[in-house]
PDB file of N, CA and C in Angstrom:
ATOM      1  N   MET A   1       0.936  -1.386   0.127  1.00  0.00           N
ATOM      2  CA  MET A   1       0.021   0.041  -0.013  1.00  0.00           C
ATOM      3  C   MET A   1       0.879   1.199  -0.148  1.00  0.00           C
ATOM      4  N   LEU A   2       0.427   2.200  -0.743  1.00  0.00           N
ATOM      5  CA  LEU A   2       0.989   3.289  -0.798  1.00  0.00           C
ATOM      6  C   LEU A   2       1.103   4.189   0.455  1.00  0.00           C
ATOM      7  N   GLU A   3       2.002   4.726   0.886  1.00  0.00           N
ATOM      8  CA  GLU A   3       1.991   5.865   2.133  1.00  0.00           C
ATOM      9  C   GLU A   3       1.609   7.142   1.690  1.00  0.00           C
ATOM     10  N   ASP A   4       0.779   7.570   2.242  1.00  0.00           N
ATOM     11  CA  ASP A   4       0.275   8.718   1.978  1.00  0.00           C
ATOM     12  C   ASP A   4       0.893   9.937   2.580  1.00  0.00           C
ATOM     13  N   ASN A   5       1.877  10.500   1.912  1.00  0.00           N
ATOM     14  CA  ASN A   5       2.836  11.573   2.474  1.00  0.00           C
ATOM     15  C   ASN A   5       2.457  13.013   1.920  1.00  0.00           C
ATOM     16  N   GLY A   6       1.490  13.080   1.093  1.00  0.00           N
ATOM     17  CA  GLY A   6       1.013  14.254   0.545  1.00  0.00           C
ATOM     18  C   GLY A   6       1.714  14.536  -0.875  1.00  0.00           C
ATOM     19  N   PHE A   7       2.693  13.753  -1.372  1.00  0.00           N
ATOM     20  CA  PHE A   7       3.346  13.915  -2.500  1.00  0.00           C
ATOM     21  C   PHE A   7       2.731  13.092  -3.728  1.00  0.00           C
ATOM     22  N   THR A   8       1.995  11.995  -3.054  1.00  0.00           N
ATOM     23  CA  THR A   8       1.537  11.078  -4.044  1.00  0.00           C
ATOM     24  C   THR A   8       0.349  11.225  -4.692  1.00  0.00           C
ATOM     25  N   GLY A   9      -0.501  12.050  -4.111  1.00  0.00           N
ATOM     26  CA  GLY A   9      -1.943  12.076  -4.326  1.00  0.00           C
ATOM     27  C   GLY A   9      -2.680  10.989  -4.064  1.00  0.00           C
ATOM     28  N   HIS A  10      -2.271   9.812  -3.425  1.00  0.00           N
ATOM     29  CA  HIS A  10      -2.865   8.662  -3.098  1.00  0.00           C
ATOM     30  C   HIS A  10      -4.264   8.919  -2.571  1.00  0.00           C
ATOM     31  N   SER A  11      -4.268   9.719  -1.524  1.00  0.00           N
ATOM     32  CA  SER A  11      -5.551   9.710  -0.777  1.00  0.00           C
ATOM     33  C   SER A  11      -6.683  10.624  -1.690  1.00  0.00           C
ATOM     34  N   ILE A  12      -6.143  11.372  -2.136  1.00  0.00           N
ATOM     35  CA  ILE A  12      -7.126  12.261  -3.089  1.00  0.00           C
ATOM     36  C   ILE A  12      -7.733  11.361  -4.493  1.00  0.00           C
ATOM     37  N   ALA A  13      -6.649  10.680  -4.771  1.00  0.00           N
ATOM     38  CA  ALA A  13      -7.095   9.762  -5.829  1.00  0.00           C
ATOM     39  C   ALA A  13      -8.343   8.672  -5.378  1.00  0.00           C
ATOM     40  N   SER A  14      -8.078   8.145  -4.402  1.00  0.00           N
ATOM     41  CA  SER A  14      -8.835   7.173  -3.587  1.00  0.00           C
ATOM     42  C   SER A  14     -10.142   7.746  -3.419  1.00  0.00           C
ATOM     43  N   GLN A  15     -10.125   8.966  -2.930  1.00  0.00           N
ATOM     44  CA  GLN A  15     -11.304   9.537  -2.606  1.00  0.00           C
ATOM     45  C   GLN A  15     -12.107   9.956  -3.950  1.00  0.00           C
ATOM     46  N   TRP A  16     -11.517  10.316  -4.951  1.00  0.00           N
ATOM     47  CA  TRP A  16     -12.162  10.324  -6.368  1.00  0.00           C
ATOM     48  C   TRP A  16     -12.635   9.359  -6.608  1.00  0.00           C
ATOM     49  N   GLY A  17     -12.091   8.300  -6.506  1.00  0.00           N
ATOM     50  CA  GLY A  17     -12.524   6.800  -6.962  1.00  0.00           C
ATOM     51  C   GLY A  17     -13.924   6.494  -6.309  1.00  0.00           C
ATOM     52  N   LEU A  18     -13.756   6.988  -4.768  1.00  0.00           N
ATOM     53  CA  LEU A  18     -15.199   6.564  -4.317  1.00  0.00           C
ATOM     54  C   LEU A  18     -16.350   7.379  -4.578  1.00  0.00           C
ATOM     55  N   ASP A  19     -16.101   8.856  -5.048  1.00  0.00           N
ATOM     56  CA  ASP A  19     -16.916   9.682  -5.146  1.00  0.00           C
ATOM     57  C   ASP A  19     -17.451   9.713  -6.599  1.00  0.00           C
ATOM     58  N   VAL A  20     -16.542   9.494  -7.437  1.00  0.00           N
ATOM     59  CA  VAL A  20     -16.708   9.785  -9.016  1.00  0.00           C
ATOM     60  C   VAL A  20     -16.563   8.358  -9.678  1.00  0.00           C
ATOM     61  N   GLY A  21     -15.735   7.744  -9.565  1.00  0.00           N
ATOM     62  CA  GLY A  21     -15.389   6.450 -10.162  1.00  0.00           C
ATOM     63  C   GLY A  21     -14.169   6.326 -10.638  1.00  0.00           C
ATOM     64  N   PRO A  22     -13.559   5.244 -11.211  1.00  0.00           N
ATOM     65  CA  PRO A  22     -12.245   5.093 -11.621  1.00  0.00           C
ATOM     66  C   PRO A  22     -12.023   6.100 -12.709  1.00  0.00           C
ATOM     67  N   ILE A  23     -10.689   6.315 -12.936  1.00  0.00           N
ATOM     68  CA  ILE A  23     -10.045   7.213 -13.876  1.00  0.00           C
ATOM     69  C   ILE A  23      -9.888   6.317 -15.132  1.00  0.00           C
ATOM     70  N   GLU A  24     -10.094   6.955 -16.042  1.00  0.00           N
ATOM     71  CA  GLU A  24     -10.002   6.113 -17.478  1.00  0.00           C
ATOM     72  C   GLU A  24      -8.733   6.058 -17.741  1.00  0.00           C
ATOM     73  N   PRO A  25      -8.125   5.040 -18.508  1.00  0.00           N
ATOM     74  CA  PRO A  25      -6.818   4.977 -19.089  1.00  0.00           C
ATOM     75  C   PRO A  25      -6.633   6.147 -20.040  1.00  0.00           C
ATOM     76  N   GLY A  26      -5.377   6.777 -20.064  1.00  0.00           N
ATOM     77  CA  GLY A  26      -5.088   7.897 -20.894  1.00  0.00           C
ATOM     78  C   GLY A  26      -5.691   9.211 -20.160  1.00  0.00           C
ATOM     79  N   ARG A  27      -6.105   9.151 -19.109  1.00  0.00           N
ATOM     80  CA  ARG A  27      -6.651  10.443 -18.320  1.00  0.00           C
ATOM     81  C   ARG A  27      -5.752  10.350 -16.925  1.00  0.00           C
ATOM     82  N   ARG A  28      -5.880  11.600 -16.282  1.00  0.00           N
ATOM     83  CA  ARG A  28      -5.463  11.750 -15.176  1.00  0.00           C
ATOM     84  C   ARG A  28      -6.215  12.818 -14.288  1.00  0.00           C
ATOM     85  N   LEU A  29      -6.099  12.987 -13.171  1.00  0.00           N
ATOM     86  CA  LEU A  29      -6.486  14.117 -12.481  1.00  0.00           C
ATOM     87  C   LEU A  29      -5.730  15.277 -12.681  1.00  0.00           C
ATOM     88  N   LEU A  30      -6.438  16.230 -12.970  1.00  0.00           N
ATOM     89  CA  LEU A  30      -5.870  17.712 -13.077  1.00  0.00           C
ATOM     90  C   LEU A  30      -6.418  18.660 -12.426  1.00  0.00           C
ATOM     91  N   PRO A  31      -5.622  19.773 -12.173  1.00  0.00           N
ATOM     92  CA  PRO A  31      -6.226  20.862 -11.285  1.00  0.00           C
ATOM     93  C   PRO A  31      -7.023  21.752 -12.278  1.00  0.00           C
ATOM     94  N   LYS A  32      -8.081  22.383 -12.014  1.00  0.00           N
ATOM     95  CA  LYS A  32      -8.960  23.384 -12.563  1.00  0.00           C
ATOM     96  C   LYS A  32      -8.145  24.677 -12.480  1.00  0.00           C
ATOM     97  N   GLN A  33      -7.430  25.159 -11.279  1.00  0.00           N
ATOM     98  CA  GLN A  33      -6.804  26.224 -11.018  1.00  0.00           C
ATOM     99  C   GLN A  33      -5.459  25.449 -10.560  1.00  0.00           C
ATOM    100  N   PRO A  34      -4.388  25.684 -11.298  1.00  0.00           N
ATOM    101  CA  PRO A  34      -3.164  25.245 -11.131  1.00  0.00           C
ATOM    102  C   PRO A  34      -2.618  25.264  -9.842  1.00  0.00           C
ATOM    103  N   PHE A  35      -2.138  24.292  -9.188  1.00  0.00           N
ATOM    104  CA  PHE A  35      -1.527  24.228  -7.694  1.00  0.00           C
ATOM    105  C   PHE A  35      -0.663  25.480  -7.526  1.00  0.00           C
ATOM    106  N   VAL A  36       0.187  25.458  -8.669  1.00  0.00           N
ATOM    107  CA  VAL A  36       1.363  26.573  -8.598  1.00  0.00           C
ATOM    108  C   VAL A  36       0.755  28.028  -8.417  1.00  0.00           C
ATOM    109  N   VAL A  37      -0.525  28.361  -8.721  1.00  0.00           N
ATOM    110  CA  VAL A  37      -0.894  29.587  -8.770  1.00  0.00           C
ATOM    111  C   VAL A  37      -2.193  29.428  -7.517  1.00  0.00           C
ATOM    112  N   GLY A  38      -2.022  28.605  -6.554  1.00  0.00           N
ATOM    113  CA  GLY A  38      -2.851  28.587  -5.446  1.00  0.00           C
ATOM    114  C   GLY A  38      -3.951  27.773  -5.617  1.00  0.00           C
ATOM    115  N   GLY A  39      -4.232  26.808  -6.542  1.00  0.00           N
ATOM    116  CA  GLY A  39      -5.268  26.028  -6.682  1.00  0.00           C
ATOM    117  C   GLY A  39      -5.297  24.934  -5.509  1.00  0.00           C
ATOM    118  N   GLY A  40      -6.397  24.655  -5.111  1.00  0.00           N
ATOM    119  CA  GLY A  40      -6.533  23.619  -3.765  1.00  0.00           C
ATOM    120  C   GLY A  40      -6.259  22.383  -4.196  1.00  0.00           C
ATOM    121  N   TYR A  41      -5.633  21.643  -3.137  1.00  0.00           N
ATOM    122  CA  TYR A  41      -5.443  20.055  -3.171  1.00  0.00           C
ATOM    123  C   TYR A  41      -6.619  19.357  -2.851  1.00  0.00           C
ATOM    124  N   ASP A  42      -7.735  19.593  -3.547  1.00  0.00           N
ATOM    125  CA  ASP A  42      -9.148  18.861  -3.005  1.00  0.00           C
ATOM    126  C   ASP A  42      -9.831  18.462  -4.380  1.00  0.00           C
ATOM    127  N   ILE A  43     -10.868  17.708  -3.929  1.00  0.00           N
ATOM    128  CA  ILE A  43     -11.777  17.185  -5.123  1.00  0.00           C
ATOM    129  C   ILE A  43     -12.497  18.256  -5.863  1.00  0.00           C
ATOM    130  N   ASP A  44     -12.760  19.440  -5.322  1.00  0.00           N
ATOM    131  CA  ASP A  44     -13.426  20.232  -5.947  1.00  0.00           C
ATOM    132  C   ASP A  44     -12.554  21.283  -7.056  1.00  0.00           C
ATOM    133  N   ASN A  45     -11.534  21.038  -7.120  1.00  0.00           N
ATOM    134  CA  ASN A  45     -10.356  21.706  -7.809  1.00  0.00           C
ATOM    135  C   ASN A  45      -9.896  20.779  -8.850  1.00  0.00           C
ATOM    136  N   LEU A  46     -10.644  19.670  -9.042  1.00  0.00           N
ATOM    137  CA  LEU A  46     -10.104  18.696 -10.012  1.00  0.00           C
ATOM    138  C   LEU A  46     -10.954  18.205 -10.815  1.00  0.00           C
ATOM    139  N   TYR A  47     -10.517  17.780 -12.043  1.00  0.00           N
ATOM    140  CA  TYR A  47     -11.080  17.233 -13.358  1.00  0.00           C
ATOM    141  C   TYR A  47     -10.431  16.135 -13.896  1.00  0.00           C
ATOM    142  N   SER A  48     -11.144  15.178 -14.727  1.00  0.00           N
ATOM    143  CA  SER A  48     -10.521  14.028 -15.290  1.00  0.00           C
ATOM    144  C   SER A  48     -10.183  14.516 -16.621  1.00  0.00           C
ATOM    145  N   GLY A  49      -8.925  14.778 -17.031  1.00  0.00           N
ATOM    146  CA  GLY A  49      -8.434  15.262 -18.260  1.00  0.00           C
ATOM    147  C   GLY A  49      -7.487  14.264 -18.898  1.00  0.00           C
ATOM    148  N   GLN A  50      -7.375  14.476 -20.253  1.00  0.00           N
ATOM    149  CA  GLN A  50      -6.583  13.777 -21.156  1.00  0.00           C
ATOM    150  C   GLN A  50      -4.994  14.092 -20.646  1.00  0.00           C
ATOM    151  N   SER A  51      -4.180  13.006 -20.548  1.00  0.00           N
ATOM    152  CA  SER A  51      -2.856  13.201 -20.032  1.00  0.00           C
ATOM    153  C   SER A  51      -2.085  14.089 -20.684  1.00  0.00           C
ATOM    154  N   LEU A  52      -2.083  13.881 -21.977  1.00  0.00           N
ATOM    155  CA  LEU A  52      -1.205  14.639 -22.699  1.00  0.00           C
ATOM    156  C   LEU A  52      -1.542  16.221 -22.839  1.00  0.00           C
ATOM    157  N   GLU A  53      -2.884  16.391 -22.703  1.00  0.00           N
ATOM    158  CA  GLU A  53      -3.393  17.792 -22.673  1.00  0.00           C
ATOM    159  C   GLU A  53      -2.727  18.616 -21.337  1.00  0.00           C
ATOM    160  N   GLY A  54      -2.782  17.666 -20.304  1.00  0.00           N
ATOM    161  CA  GLY A  54      -2.409  18.397 -19.048  1.00  0.00           C
ATOM    162  C   GLY A  54      -0.870  18.532 -19.003  1.00  0.00           C
ATOM    163  N   MET A  55      -0.224  17.582 -19.563  1.00  0.00           N
ATOM    164  CA  MET A  55       1.213  17.846 -19.438  1.00  0.00           C
ATOM    165  C   MET A  55       1.505  19.123 -20.508  1.00  0.00           C
ATOM    166  N   ARG A  56       1.147  19.268 -21.692  1.00  0.00           N
ATOM    167  CA  ARG A  56       1.208  20.370 -22.432  1.00  0.00           C
ATOM    168  C   ARG A  56       1.061  21.667 -21.704  1.00  0.00           C
ATOM    169  N   PHE A  57      -0.393  21.737 -21.102  1.00  0.00           N
ATOM    170  CA  PHE A  57      -0.647  23.074 -20.347  1.00  0.00           C
ATOM    171  C   PHE A  57       0.383  23.137 -19.159  1.00  0.00           C
ATOM    172  N   ARG A  58       0.469  22.203 -18.357  1.00  0.00           N
ATOM    173  CA  ARG A  58       1.626  22.402 -17.278  1.00  0.00           C
ATOM    174  C   ARG A  58       3.084  22.980 -17.921  1.00  0.00           C
ATOM    175  N   ALA A  59       3.389  22.319 -19.136  1.00  0.00           N
ATOM    176  CA  ALA A  59       4.672  22.818 -19.442  1.00  0.00           C
ATOM    177  C   ALA A  59       4.862  24.155 -20.040  1.00  0.00           C
ATOM    178  N   TYR A  60       3.765  24.411 -20.799  1.00  0.00           N
ATOM    179  CA  TYR A  60       3.155  25.918 -21.132  1.00  0.00           C
ATOM    180  C   TYR A  60       3.356  26.848 -19.919  1.00  0.00           C
ATOM    181  N   LEU A  61       2.631  26.478 -18.714  1.00  0.00           N
ATOM    182  CA  LEU A  61       2.517  27.482 -17.878  1.00  0.00           C
ATOM    183  C   LEU A  61       4.058  27.590 -17.072  1.00  0.00           C
ATOM    184  N   ALA A  62       4.560  26.293 -17.083  1.00  0.00           N
ATOM    185  CA  ALA A  62       5.941  26.409 -16.299  1.00  0.00           C
ATOM    186  C   ALA A  62       6.784  27.382 -17.204  1.00  0.00           C
ATOM    187  N   SER A  63       6.823  27.349 -18.298  1.00  0.00           N
ATOM    188  CA  SER A  63       7.836  28.007 -19.447  1.00  0.00           C
ATOM    189  C   SER A  63       7.557  29.545 -19.282  1.00  0.00           C
ATOM    190  N   GLN A  64       6.280  29.990 -18.958  1.00  0.00           N
ATOM    191  CA  GLN A  64       5.803  31.294 -18.690  1.00  0.00           C
ATOM    192  C   GLN A  64       6.046  31.910 -17.143  1.00  0.00           C
ATOM    193  N   ILE A  65       6.118  31.299 -16.324  1.00  0.00           N
ATOM    194  CA  ILE A  65       6.281  31.691 -14.928  1.00  0.00           C
ATOM    195  C   ILE A  65       7.632  31.366 -14.320  1.00  0.00           C
ATOM    196  N   HIS A  66       8.700  30.685 -15.106  1.00  0.00           N
ATOM    197  CA  HIS A  66       9.785  29.949 -14.541  1.00  0.00           C
ATOM    198  C   HIS A  66      10.643  31.236 -13.767  1.00  0.00           C
ATOM    199  N   ASP A  67      10.853  32.278 -14.418  1.00  0.00           N
ATOM    200  CA  ASP A  67      11.528  33.457 -13.695  1.00  0.00           C
ATOM    201  C   ASP A  67      10.896  34.397 -12.726  1.00  0.00           C
ATOM    202  N   LEU A  68       9.557  34.056 -12.732  1.00  0.00           N
ATOM    203  CA  LEU A  68       8.913  35.151 -11.780  1.00  0.00           C
ATOM    204  C   LEU A  68       9.288  34.707 -10.186  1.00  0.00           C
ATOM    205  N   PRO A  69       9.306  35.779  -9.358  1.00  0.00           N
ATOM    206  CA  PRO A  69       9.461  35.722  -8.007  1.00  0.00           C
ATOM    207  C   PRO A  69       8.138  35.016  -7.338  1.00  0.00           C
ATOM    208  N   ASP A  70       8.496  34.254  -5.976  1.00  0.00           N
ATOM    209  CA  ASP A  70       7.490  33.554  -5.467  1.00  0.00           C
ATOM    210  C   ASP A  70       6.118  34.426  -5.257  1.00  0.00           C
ATOM    211  N   ASP A  71       6.310  35.662  -5.123  1.00  0.00           N
ATOM    212  CA  ASP A  71       5.078  36.418  -4.581  1.00  0.00           C
ATOM    213  C   ASP A  71       4.467  37.164  -5.859  1.00  0.00           C
ATOM    214  N   ALA A  72       4.951  37.021  -7.141  1.00  0.00           N
ATOM    215  CA  ALA A  72       4.464  37.778  -8.325  1.00  0.00           C
ATOM    216  C   ALA A  72       2.898  37.171  -8.311  1.00  0.00           C
ATOM    217  N   GLN A  73       2.196  38.213  -9.152  1.00  0.00           N
ATOM    218  CA  GLN A  73       0.831  38.059  -9.433  1.00  0.00           C
ATOM    219  C   GLN A  73       0.874  37.548 -10.777  1.00  0.00           C
ATOM    220  N   VAL A  74      -0.108  36.568 -11.190  1.00  0.00           N
ATOM    221  CA  VAL A  74      -0.194  35.964 -12.468  1.00  0.00           C
ATOM    222  C   VAL A  74      -1.676  36.234 -12.939  1.00  0.00           C
ATOM    223  N   GLU A  75      -1.605  36.531 -14.313  1.00  0.00           N
ATOM    224  CA  GLU A  75      -2.914  36.784 -14.869  1.00  0.00           C
ATOM    225  C   GLU A  75      -2.993  35.999 -16.032  1.00  0.00           C
ATOM    226  N   PHE A  76      -4.316  35.184 -16.133  1.00  0.00           N
ATOM    227  CA  PHE A  76      -4.455  34.091 -17.192  1.00  0.00           C
ATOM    228  C   PHE A  76      -5.186  34.917 -18.234  1.00  0.00           C
ATOM    229  N   GLU A  77      -4.837  34.726 -19.561  1.00  0.00           N
ATOM    230  CA  GLU A  77      -5.595  35.230 -20.726  1.00  0.00           C
ATOM    231  C   GLU A  77      -5.881  33.850 -21.474  1.00  0.00           C
ATOM    232  N   ILE A  78      -7.397  33.561 -21.515  1.00  0.00           N
ATOM    233  CA  ILE A  78      -7.686  32.515 -22.188  1.00  0.00           C
ATOM    234  C   ILE A  78      -8.097  32.670 -23.566  1.00  0.00           C
ATOM    235  N   SER A  79      -7.432  32.108 -24.363  1.00  0.00           N
ATOM    236  CA  SER A  79      -7.901  32.196 -26.018  1.00  0.00           C
ATOM    237  C   SER A  79      -7.944  30.932 -26.591  1.00  0.00           C
ATOM    238  N   ARG A  80      -8.326  30.700 -27.805  1.00  0.00           N
ATOM    239  CA  ARG A  80      -8.437  29.585 -28.722  1.00  0.00           C
ATOM    240  C   ARG A  80      -7.855  29.940 -29.898  1.00  0.00           C
TER     241      ARG A  80
END
């Protein structure tokens, strides 16, 4: 059994499984509001999204904020 030390996400994934059901292959739990900009580590801030989509978004976000100081304000601009 995995030790839940807050880094694995085991407890929240287990709770998701009980509340919503299993996560389908090729999908993972992703934050609606990214953790790095204050999104909560709770079920209400998560959705089941495509793994690749999530990786691309997090990489894009990381490339945009990597030089900012910890207390910098971040503004999102959503476009298609």
